[in-house]
Amino acid sequence: MAGRPPVLPSSNLSYSENFLYMLHQCMGDKSYKPNPRLARLLDILFFLHAEHEMNCSTSAARHPENTFLSPLLLDTYTLHKLNYHNSKLNL
């Protein structure tokens, strides 16, 4: 089974503009020109995603790790923290 040929980025577009450009090229819209406002919004969304990528379980393990707990205490604390958080959400 053969896939589609790769869509190469354009050197005169920003990261987000290239993302939109390559997405639309892949969908078959060869005449697409990225909207600057949409590209700016996507820049902000990408930034926020990269800035807040840690989820609850990662955060629960990494924050006490900085206190130099023993690995056993760290695991116990993390499991307790996640269990407490899930019980508050009624999961």
PDB file of N, CA and C in Angstrom:
ATOM      1  N   MET A   1       0.851  -1.171   0.000  1.00  0.00           N
ATOM      2  CA  MET A   1       0.000   0.000   0.000  1.00  0.00           C
ATOM      3  C   MET A   1       0.899   1.239   0.000  1.00  0.00           C
ATOM      4  N   ALA A   2       0.666   2.154  -0.880  1.00  0.00           N
ATOM      5  CA  ALA A   2       1.484   3.361  -1.000  1.00  0.00           C
ATOM      6  C   ALA A   2       0.769   4.540  -0.364  1.00  0.00           C
ATOM      7  N   GLY A   3       1.549   5.392   0.279  1.00  0.00           N
ATOM      8  CA  GLY A   3       1.000   6.602   0.887  1.00  0.00           C
ATOM      9  C   GLY A   3       1.109   7.780  -0.060  1.00  0.00           C
ATOM     10  N   ARG A   4       0.744   8.908   0.437  1.00  0.00           N
ATOM     11  CA  ARG A   4       0.858  10.142  -0.350  1.00  0.00           C
ATOM     12  C   ARG A   4       2.289  10.649  -0.294  1.00  0.00           C
ATOM     13  N   PRO A   5       2.701  11.402  -1.300  1.00  0.00           N
ATOM     14  CA  PRO A   5       4.050  11.979  -1.251  1.00  0.00           C
ATOM     15  C   PRO A   5       4.122  13.047  -0.151  1.00  0.00           C
ATOM     16  N   PRO A   6       5.280  13.221   0.468  1.00  0.00           N
ATOM     17  CA  PRO A   6       5.391  14.221   1.537  1.00  0.00           C
ATOM     18  C   PRO A   6       5.222  15.638   0.999  1.00  0.00           C
ATOM     19  N   VAL A   7       4.661  16.498   1.827  1.00  0.00           N
ATOM     20  CA  VAL A   7       4.504  17.907   1.480  1.00  0.00           C
ATOM     21  C   VAL A   7       5.669  18.649   2.114  1.00  0.00           C
ATOM     22  N   LEU A   8       6.460  19.298   1.297  1.00  0.00           N
ATOM     23  CA  LEU A   8       7.630  20.015   1.794  1.00  0.00           C
ATOM     24  C   LEU A   8       7.228  21.397   2.299  1.00  0.00           C
ATOM     25  N   PRO A   9       7.860  21.877   3.367  1.00  0.00           N
ATOM     26  CA  PRO A   9       7.543  23.214   3.877  1.00  0.00           C
ATOM     27  C   PRO A   9       8.059  24.299   2.949  1.00  0.00           C
ATOM     28  N   SER A  10       7.455  25.449   3.064  1.00  0.00           N
ATOM     29  CA  SER A  10       7.876  26.602   2.280  1.00  0.00           C
ATOM     30  C   SER A  10       8.851  27.427   3.120  1.00  0.00           C
ATOM     31  N   SER A  11       9.947  27.850   2.534  1.00  0.00           N
ATOM     32  CA  SER A  11      10.978  28.562   3.297  1.00  0.00           C
ATOM     33  C   SER A  11      10.587  29.990   3.666  1.00  0.00           C
ATOM     34  N   ASN A  12       9.556  30.543   3.042  1.00  0.00           N
ATOM     35  CA  ASN A  12       9.180  31.924   3.343  1.00  0.00           C
ATOM     36  C   ASN A  12       7.985  32.027   4.295  1.00  0.00           C
ATOM     37  N   LEU A  13       7.633  30.923   4.969  1.00  0.00           N
ATOM     38  CA  LEU A  13       6.513  30.927   5.914  1.00  0.00           C
ATOM     39  C   LEU A  13       7.016  30.625   7.325  1.00  0.00           C
ATOM     40  N   SER A  14       6.283  31.119   8.310  1.00  0.00           N
ATOM     41  CA  SER A  14       6.617  30.826   9.702  1.00  0.00           C
ATOM     42  C   SER A  14       6.262  29.370  10.016  1.00  0.00           C
ATOM     43  N   TYR A  15       6.578  28.933  11.241  1.00  0.00           N
ATOM     44  CA  TYR A  15       6.304  27.555  11.645  1.00  0.00           C
ATOM     45  C   TYR A  15       4.811  27.251  11.542  1.00  0.00           C
ATOM     46  N   SER A  16       3.982  28.119  12.126  1.00  0.00           N
ATOM     47  CA  SER A  16       2.538  27.883  12.117  1.00  0.00           C
ATOM     48  C   SER A  16       1.949  28.028  10.719  1.00  0.00           C
ATOM     49  N   GLU A  17       2.442  28.983   9.958  1.00  0.00           N
ATOM     50  CA  GLU A  17       1.970  29.124   8.573  1.00  0.00           C
ATOM     51  C   GLU A  17       2.316  27.877   7.767  1.00  0.00           C
ATOM     52  N   ASN A  18       3.503  27.338   7.988  1.00  0.00           N
ATOM     53  CA  ASN A  18       3.889  26.102   7.299  1.00  0.00           C
ATOM     54  C   ASN A  18       3.022  24.937   7.732  1.00  0.00           C
ATOM     55  N   PHE A  19       2.675  24.868   9.010  1.00  0.00           N
ATOM     56  CA  PHE A  19       1.796  23.811   9.493  1.00  0.00           C
ATOM     57  C   PHE A  19       0.463  23.858   8.755  1.00  0.00           C
ATOM     58  N   LEU A  20      -0.136  25.041   8.689  1.00  0.00           N
ATOM     59  CA  LEU A  20      -1.416  25.191   7.985  1.00  0.00           C
ATOM     60  C   LEU A  20      -1.265  24.910   6.487  1.00  0.00           C
ATOM     61  N   TYR A  21      -0.197  25.424   5.904  1.00  0.00           N
ATOM     62  CA  TYR A  21       0.064  25.236   4.476  1.00  0.00           C
ATOM     63  C   TYR A  21       0.194  23.744   4.138  1.00  0.00           C
ATOM     64  N   MET A  22       1.011  23.027   4.925  1.00  0.00           N
ATOM     65  CA  MET A  22       1.243  21.612   4.642  1.00  0.00           C
ATOM     66  C   MET A  22      -0.004  20.780   4.920  1.00  0.00           C
ATOM     67  N   LEU A  23      -0.787  21.176   5.923  1.00  0.00           N
ATOM     68  CA  LEU A  23      -2.034  20.477   6.221  1.00  0.00           C
ATOM     69  C   LEU A  23      -3.010  20.582   5.051  1.00  0.00           C
ATOM     70  N   HIS A  24      -3.151  21.787   4.499  1.00  0.00           N
ATOM     71  CA  HIS A  24      -4.080  21.977   3.382  1.00  0.00           C
ATOM     72  C   HIS A  24      -3.555  21.365   2.085  1.00  0.00           C
ATOM     73  N   GLN A  25      -2.238  21.380   1.889  1.00  0.00           N
ATOM     74  CA  GLN A  25      -1.665  20.733   0.707  1.00  0.00           C
ATOM     75  C   GLN A  25      -1.939  19.235   0.753  1.00  0.00           C
ATOM     76  N   CYS A  26      -1.830  18.668   1.930  1.00  0.00           N
ATOM     77  CA  CYS A  26      -2.073  17.240   2.117  1.00  0.00           C
ATOM     78  C   CYS A  26      -3.537  16.896   1.815  1.00  0.00           C
ATOM     79  N   MET A  27      -4.436  17.830   2.112  1.00  0.00           N
ATOM     80  CA  MET A  27      -5.865  17.610   1.878  1.00  0.00           C
ATOM     81  C   MET A  27      -6.256  17.890   0.429  1.00  0.00           C
ATOM     82  N   GLY A  28      -5.311  18.361  -0.376  1.00  0.00           N
ATOM     83  CA  GLY A  28      -5.569  18.555  -1.790  1.00  0.00           C
ATOM     84  C   GLY A  28      -5.839  19.990  -2.207  1.00  0.00           C
ATOM     85  N   ASP A  29      -5.801  20.940  -1.260  1.00  0.00           N
ATOM     86  CA  ASP A  29      -6.058  22.348  -1.583  1.00  0.00           C
ATOM     87  C   ASP A  29      -4.741  23.008  -1.980  1.00  0.00           C
ATOM     88  N   LYS A  30      -4.427  22.999  -3.258  1.00  0.00           N
ATOM     89  CA  LYS A  30      -3.134  23.481  -3.747  1.00  0.00           C
ATOM     90  C   LYS A  30      -3.020  25.006  -3.769  1.00  0.00           C
ATOM     91  N   SER A  31      -4.149  25.713  -3.696  1.00  0.00           N
ATOM     92  CA  SER A  31      -4.114  27.174  -3.790  1.00  0.00           C
ATOM     93  C   SER A  31      -4.221  27.848  -2.416  1.00  0.00           C
ATOM     94  N   TYR A  32      -4.072  27.095  -1.337  1.00  0.00           N
ATOM     95  CA  TYR A  32      -4.256  27.646   0.010  1.00  0.00           C
ATOM     96  C   TYR A  32      -3.128  28.594   0.388  1.00  0.00           C
ATOM     97  N   LYS A  33      -3.518  29.752   0.922  1.00  0.00           N
ATOM     98  CA  LYS A  33      -2.572  30.722   1.485  1.00  0.00           C
ATOM     99  C   LYS A  33      -2.944  30.890   2.961  1.00  0.00           C
ATOM    100  N   PRO A  34      -2.019  30.649   3.891  1.00  0.00           N
ATOM    101  CA  PRO A  34      -2.349  30.708   5.318  1.00  0.00           C
ATOM    102  C   PRO A  34      -2.831  32.090   5.747  1.00  0.00           C
ATOM    103  N   ASN A  35      -3.884  32.110   6.543  1.00  0.00           N
ATOM    104  CA  ASN A  35      -4.409  33.345   7.112  1.00  0.00           C
ATOM    105  C   ASN A  35      -3.473  33.781   8.244  1.00  0.00           C
ATOM    106  N   PRO A  36      -2.958  35.014   8.215  1.00  0.00           N
ATOM    107  CA  PRO A  36      -2.005  35.455   9.243  1.00  0.00           C
ATOM    108  C   PRO A  36      -2.594  35.441  10.657  1.00  0.00           C
ATOM    109  N   ARG A  37      -3.864  35.769  10.805  1.00  0.00           N
ATOM    110  CA  ARG A  37      -4.494  35.770  12.135  1.00  0.00           C
ATOM    111  C   ARG A  37      -4.625  34.350  12.678  1.00  0.00           C
ATOM    112  N   LEU A  38      -4.976  33.425  11.804  1.00  0.00           N
ATOM    113  CA  LEU A  38      -5.080  32.024  12.210  1.00  0.00           C
ATOM    114  C   LEU A  38      -3.697  31.470  12.566  1.00  0.00           C
ATOM    115  N   ALA A  39      -2.692  31.858  11.804  1.00  0.00           N
ATOM    116  CA  ALA A  39      -1.325  31.412  12.087  1.00  0.00           C
ATOM    117  C   ALA A  39      -0.849  31.978  13.423  1.00  0.00           C
ATOM    118  N   ARG A  40      -1.190  33.227  13.725  1.00  0.00           N
ATOM    119  CA  ARG A  40      -0.817  33.836  15.011  1.00  0.00           C
ATOM    120  C   ARG A  40      -1.502  33.105  16.164  1.00  0.00           C
ATOM    121  N   LEU A  41      -2.777  32.771  15.991  1.00  0.00           N
ATOM    122  CA  LEU A  41      -3.508  32.019  17.005  1.00  0.00           C
ATOM    123  C   LEU A  41      -2.862  30.655  17.229  1.00  0.00           C
ATOM    124  N   LEU A  42      -2.474  30.016  16.156  1.00  0.00           N
ATOM    125  CA  LEU A  42      -1.815  28.719  16.257  1.00  0.00           C
ATOM    126  C   LEU A  42      -0.458  28.843  16.951  1.00  0.00           C
ATOM    127  N   ASP A  43       0.267  29.942  16.706  1.00  0.00           N
ATOM    128  CA  ASP A  43       1.521  30.211  17.416  1.00  0.00           C
ATOM    129  C   ASP A  43       1.284  30.241  18.926  1.00  0.00           C
ATOM    130  N   ILE A  44       0.232  30.937  19.337  1.00  0.00           N
ATOM    131  CA  ILE A  44      -0.089  31.060  20.755  1.00  0.00           C
ATOM    132  C   ILE A  44      -0.482  29.704  21.326  1.00  0.00           C
ATOM    133  N   LEU A  45      -1.297  28.945  20.589  1.00  0.00           N
ATOM    134  CA  LEU A  45      -1.708  27.622  21.064  1.00  0.00           C
ATOM    135  C   LEU A  45      -0.521  26.673  21.187  1.00  0.00           C
ATOM    136  N   PHE A  46       0.381  26.697  20.213  1.00  0.00           N
ATOM    137  CA  PHE A  46       1.577  25.849  20.282  1.00  0.00           C
ATOM    138  C   PHE A  46       2.434  26.239  21.493  1.00  0.00           C
ATOM    139  N   PHE A  47       2.558  27.534  21.726  1.00  0.00           N
ATOM    140  CA  PHE A  47       3.349  28.010  22.859  1.00  0.00           C
ATOM    141  C   PHE A  47       2.725  27.550  24.179  1.00  0.00           C
ATOM    142  N   LEU A  48       1.422  27.728  24.316  1.00  0.00           N
ATOM    143  CA  LEU A  48       0.750  27.318  25.545  1.00  0.00           C
ATOM    144  C   LEU A  48       0.831  25.815  25.754  1.00  0.00           C
ATOM    145  N   HIS A  49       0.714  25.051  24.692  1.00  0.00           N
ATOM    146  CA  HIS A  49       0.821  23.594  24.802  1.00  0.00           C
ATOM    147  C   HIS A  49       2.224  23.194  25.267  1.00  0.00           C
ATOM    148  N   ALA A  50       3.233  23.798  24.687  1.00  0.00           N
ATOM    149  CA  ALA A  50       4.609  23.468  25.067  1.00  0.00           C
ATOM    150  C   ALA A  50       4.899  23.909  26.493  1.00  0.00           C
ATOM    151  N   GLU A  51       4.305  25.019  26.903  1.00  0.00           N
ATOM    152  CA  GLU A  51       4.547  25.561  28.235  1.00  0.00           C
ATOM    153  C   GLU A  51       3.842  24.753  29.330  1.00  0.00           C
ATOM    154  N   HIS A  52       2.724  24.111  28.996  1.00  0.00           N
ATOM    155  CA  HIS A  52       1.917  23.407  29.990  1.00  0.00           C
ATOM    156  C   HIS A  52       1.751  21.928  29.638  1.00  0.00           C
ATOM    157  N   GLU A  53       2.814  21.305  29.160  1.00  0.00           N
ATOM    158  CA  GLU A  53       2.678  19.938  28.679  1.00  0.00           C
ATOM    159  C   GLU A  53       2.657  18.898  29.782  1.00  0.00           C
ATOM    160  N   MET A  54       3.054  19.256  31.001  1.00  0.00           N
ATOM    161  CA  MET A  54       3.049  18.260  32.074  1.00  0.00           C
ATOM    162  C   MET A  54       1.624  17.959  32.509  1.00  0.00           C
ATOM    163  N   ASN A  55       1.296  16.689  32.568  1.00  0.00           N
ATOM    164  CA  ASN A  55      -0.023  16.321  33.069  1.00  0.00           C
ATOM    165  C   ASN A  55       0.053  16.113  34.577  1.00  0.00           C
ATOM    166  N   CYS A  56      -1.046  15.768  35.177  1.00  0.00           N
ATOM    167  CA  CYS A  56      -1.120  15.658  36.633  1.00  0.00           C
ATOM    168  C   CYS A  56      -0.161  14.603  37.176  1.00  0.00           C
ATOM    169  N   SER A  57      -0.099  13.445  36.531  1.00  0.00           N
ATOM    170  CA  SER A  57       0.759  12.380  37.059  1.00  0.00           C
ATOM    171  C   SER A  57       2.237  12.754  36.955  1.00  0.00           C
ATOM    172  N   THR A  58       2.619  13.410  35.879  1.00  0.00           N
ATOM    173  CA  THR A  58       4.009  13.837  35.737  1.00  0.00           C
ATOM    174  C   THR A  58       4.337  14.887  36.784  1.00  0.00           C
ATOM    175  N   SER A  59       3.429  15.813  36.959  1.00  0.00           N
ATOM    176  CA  SER A  59       3.635  16.866  37.942  1.00  0.00           C
ATOM    177  C   SER A  59       3.707  16.298  39.352  1.00  0.00           C
ATOM    178  N   ALA A  60       2.841  15.340  39.662  1.00  0.00           N
ATOM    179  CA  ALA A  60       2.826  14.735  40.999  1.00  0.00           C
ATOM    180  C   ALA A  60       4.136  14.029  41.302  1.00  0.00           C
ATOM    181  N   ALA A  61       4.795  13.505  40.286  1.00  0.00           N
ATOM    182  CA  ALA A  61       6.067  12.814  40.507  1.00  0.00           C
ATOM    183  C   ALA A  61       7.250  13.775  40.491  1.00  0.00           C
ATOM    184  N   ARG A  62       7.208  14.797  39.676  1.00  0.00           N
ATOM    185  CA  ARG A  62       8.376  15.656  39.523  1.00  0.00           C
ATOM    186  C   ARG A  62       8.525  16.693  40.628  1.00  0.00           C
ATOM    187  N   HIS A  63       7.420  17.199  41.151  1.00  0.00           N
ATOM    188  CA  HIS A  63       7.539  18.236  42.179  1.00  0.00           C
ATOM    189  C   HIS A  63       8.204  17.720  43.456  1.00  0.00           C
ATOM    190  N   PRO A  64       7.775  16.586  44.015  1.00  0.00           N
ATOM    191  CA  PRO A  64       8.478  16.108  45.218  1.00  0.00           C
ATOM    192  C   PRO A  64       9.871  15.556  44.911  1.00  0.00           C
ATOM    193  N   GLU A  65      10.130  15.238  43.648  1.00  0.00           N
ATOM    194  CA  GLU A  65      11.450  14.731  43.274  1.00  0.00           C
ATOM    195  C   GLU A  65      12.528  15.763  43.598  1.00  0.00           C
ATOM    196  N   ASN A  66      12.177  17.030  43.513  1.00  0.00           N
ATOM    197  CA  ASN A  66      13.135  18.105  43.792  1.00  0.00           C
ATOM    198  C   ASN A  66      13.492  18.198  45.268  1.00  0.00           C
ATOM    199  N   THR A  67      12.778  17.484  46.133  1.00  0.00           N
ATOM    200  CA  THR A  67      13.094  17.482  47.560  1.00  0.00           C
ATOM    201  C   THR A  67      14.035  16.346  47.915  1.00  0.00           C
ATOM    202  N   PHE A  68      14.484  15.586  46.926  1.00  0.00           N
ATOM    203  CA  PHE A  68      15.441  14.501  47.098  1.00  0.00           C
ATOM    204  C   PHE A  68      14.906  13.390  48.012  1.00  0.00           C
ATOM    205  N   LEU A  69      13.637  13.047  47.836  1.00  0.00           N
ATOM    206  CA  LEU A  69      13.065  11.904  48.555  1.00  0.00           C
ATOM    207  C   LEU A  69      13.686  10.619  48.036  1.00  0.00           C
ATOM    208  N   SER A  70      13.636   9.616  48.845  1.00  0.00           N
ATOM    209  CA  SER A  70      14.110   8.305  48.375  1.00  0.00           C
ATOM    210  C   SER A  70      13.136   7.808  47.298  1.00  0.00           C
ATOM    211  N   PRO A  71      13.574   6.955  46.379  1.00  0.00           N
ATOM    212  CA  PRO A  71      12.684   6.479  45.314  1.00  0.00           C
ATOM    213  C   PRO A  71      11.414   5.816  45.842  1.00  0.00           C
ATOM    214  N   LEU A  72      11.510   5.079  46.932  1.00  0.00           N
ATOM    215  CA  LEU A  72      10.335   4.424  47.495  1.00  0.00           C
ATOM    216  C   LEU A  72       9.336   5.457  48.028  1.00  0.00           C
ATOM    217  N   LEU A  73       9.823   6.452  48.758  1.00  0.00           N
ATOM    218  CA  LEU A  73       8.944   7.509  49.262  1.00  0.00           C
ATOM    219  C   LEU A  73       8.346   8.323  48.118  1.00  0.00           C
ATOM    220  N   LEU A  74       9.141   8.561  47.093  1.00  0.00           N
ATOM    221  CA  LEU A  74       8.654   9.312  45.939  1.00  0.00           C
ATOM    222  C   LEU A  74       7.502   8.577  45.257  1.00  0.00           C
ATOM    223  N   ASP A  75       7.658   7.273  45.039  1.00  0.00           N
ATOM    224  CA  ASP A  75       6.591   6.481  44.423  1.00  0.00           C
ATOM    225  C   ASP A  75       5.345   6.461  45.302  1.00  0.00           C
ATOM    226  N   THR A  76       5.538   6.297  46.612  1.00  0.00           N
ATOM    227  CA  THR A  76       4.409   6.267  47.538  1.00  0.00           C
ATOM    228  C   THR A  76       3.669   7.594  47.524  1.00  0.00           C
ATOM    229  N   TYR A  77       4.410   8.681  47.578  1.00  0.00           N
ATOM    230  CA  TYR A  77       3.802  10.011  47.556  1.00  0.00           C
ATOM    231  C   TYR A  77       3.033  10.235  46.259  1.00  0.00           C
ATOM    232  N   THR A  78       3.632   9.858  45.128  1.00  0.00           N
ATOM    233  CA  THR A  78       2.995  10.062  43.820  1.00  0.00           C
ATOM    234  C   THR A  78       1.699   9.275  43.725  1.00  0.00           C
ATOM    235  N   LEU A  79       1.728   8.012  44.130  1.00  0.00           N
ATOM    236  CA  LEU A  79       0.511   7.198  44.076  1.00  0.00           C
ATOM    237  C   LEU A  79      -0.569   7.754  45.002  1.00  0.00           C
ATOM    238  N   HIS A  80      -0.173   8.210  46.183  1.00  0.00           N
ATOM    239  CA  HIS A  80      -1.139   8.806  47.103  1.00  0.00           C
ATOM    240  C   HIS A  80      -1.747  10.068  46.487  1.00  0.00           C
ATOM    241  N   LYS A  81      -0.916  10.899  45.912  1.00  0.00           N
ATOM    242  CA  LYS A  81      -1.383  12.158  45.321  1.00  0.00           C
ATOM    243  C   LYS A  81      -2.369  11.893  44.184  1.00  0.00           C
ATOM    244  N   LEU A  82      -2.043  10.936  43.316  1.00  0.00           N
ATOM    245  CA  LEU A  82      -2.936  10.616  42.198  1.00  0.00           C
ATOM    246  C   LEU A  82      -4.233   9.992  42.690  1.00  0.00           C
ATOM    247  N   ASN A  83      -4.151   9.124  43.679  1.00  0.00           N
ATOM    248  CA  ASN A  83      -5.350   8.503  44.224  1.00  0.00           C
ATOM    249  C   ASN A  83      -6.245   9.547  44.874  1.00  0.00           C
ATOM    250  N   TYR A  84      -5.665  10.491  45.602  1.00  0.00           N
ATOM    251  CA  TYR A  84      -6.428  11.569  46.239  1.00  0.00           C
ATOM    252  C   TYR A  84      -7.098  12.434  45.177  1.00  0.00           C
ATOM    253  N   HIS A  85      -6.342  12.781  44.122  1.00  0.00           N
ATOM    254  CA  HIS A  85      -6.892  13.613  43.044  1.00  0.00           C
ATOM    255  C   HIS A  85      -8.042  12.904  42.351  1.00  0.00           C
ATOM    256  N   ASN A  86      -7.890  11.607  42.055  1.00  0.00           N
ATOM    257  CA  ASN A  86      -8.957  10.856  41.379  1.00  0.00           C
ATOM    258  C   ASN A  86     -10.188  10.694  42.262  1.00  0.00           C
ATOM    259  N   SER A  87      -9.991  10.550  43.579  1.00  0.00           N
ATOM    260  CA  SER A  87     -11.155  10.417  44.464  1.00  0.00           C
ATOM    261  C   SER A  87     -11.926  11.730  44.537  1.00  0.00           C
ATOM    262  N   LYS A  88     -11.261  12.860  44.417  1.00  0.00           N
ATOM    263  CA  LYS A  88     -11.940  14.155  44.415  1.00  0.00           C
ATOM    264  C   LYS A  88     -12.763  14.338  43.141  1.00  0.00           C
ATOM    265  N   LEU A  89     -12.305  13.717  42.052  1.00  0.00           N
ATOM    266  CA  LEU A  89     -13.021  13.813  40.770  1.00  0.00           C
ATOM    267  C   LEU A  89     -14.085  12.731  40.627  1.00  0.00           C
ATOM    268  N   ASN A  90     -14.193  11.861  41.625  1.00  0.00           N
ATOM    269  CA  ASN A  90     -15.132  10.732  41.589  1.00  0.00           C
ATOM    270  C   ASN A  90     -14.865   9.802  40.413  1.00  0.00           C
ATOM    271  N   LEU A  91     -13.599   9.483  40.184  1.00  0.00           N
ATOM    272  CA  LEU A  91     -13.232   8.572  39.095  1.00  0.00           C
ATOM    273  C   LEU A  91     -13.147   7.156  39.595  1.00  0.00           C
TER     274      LEU A  91
END
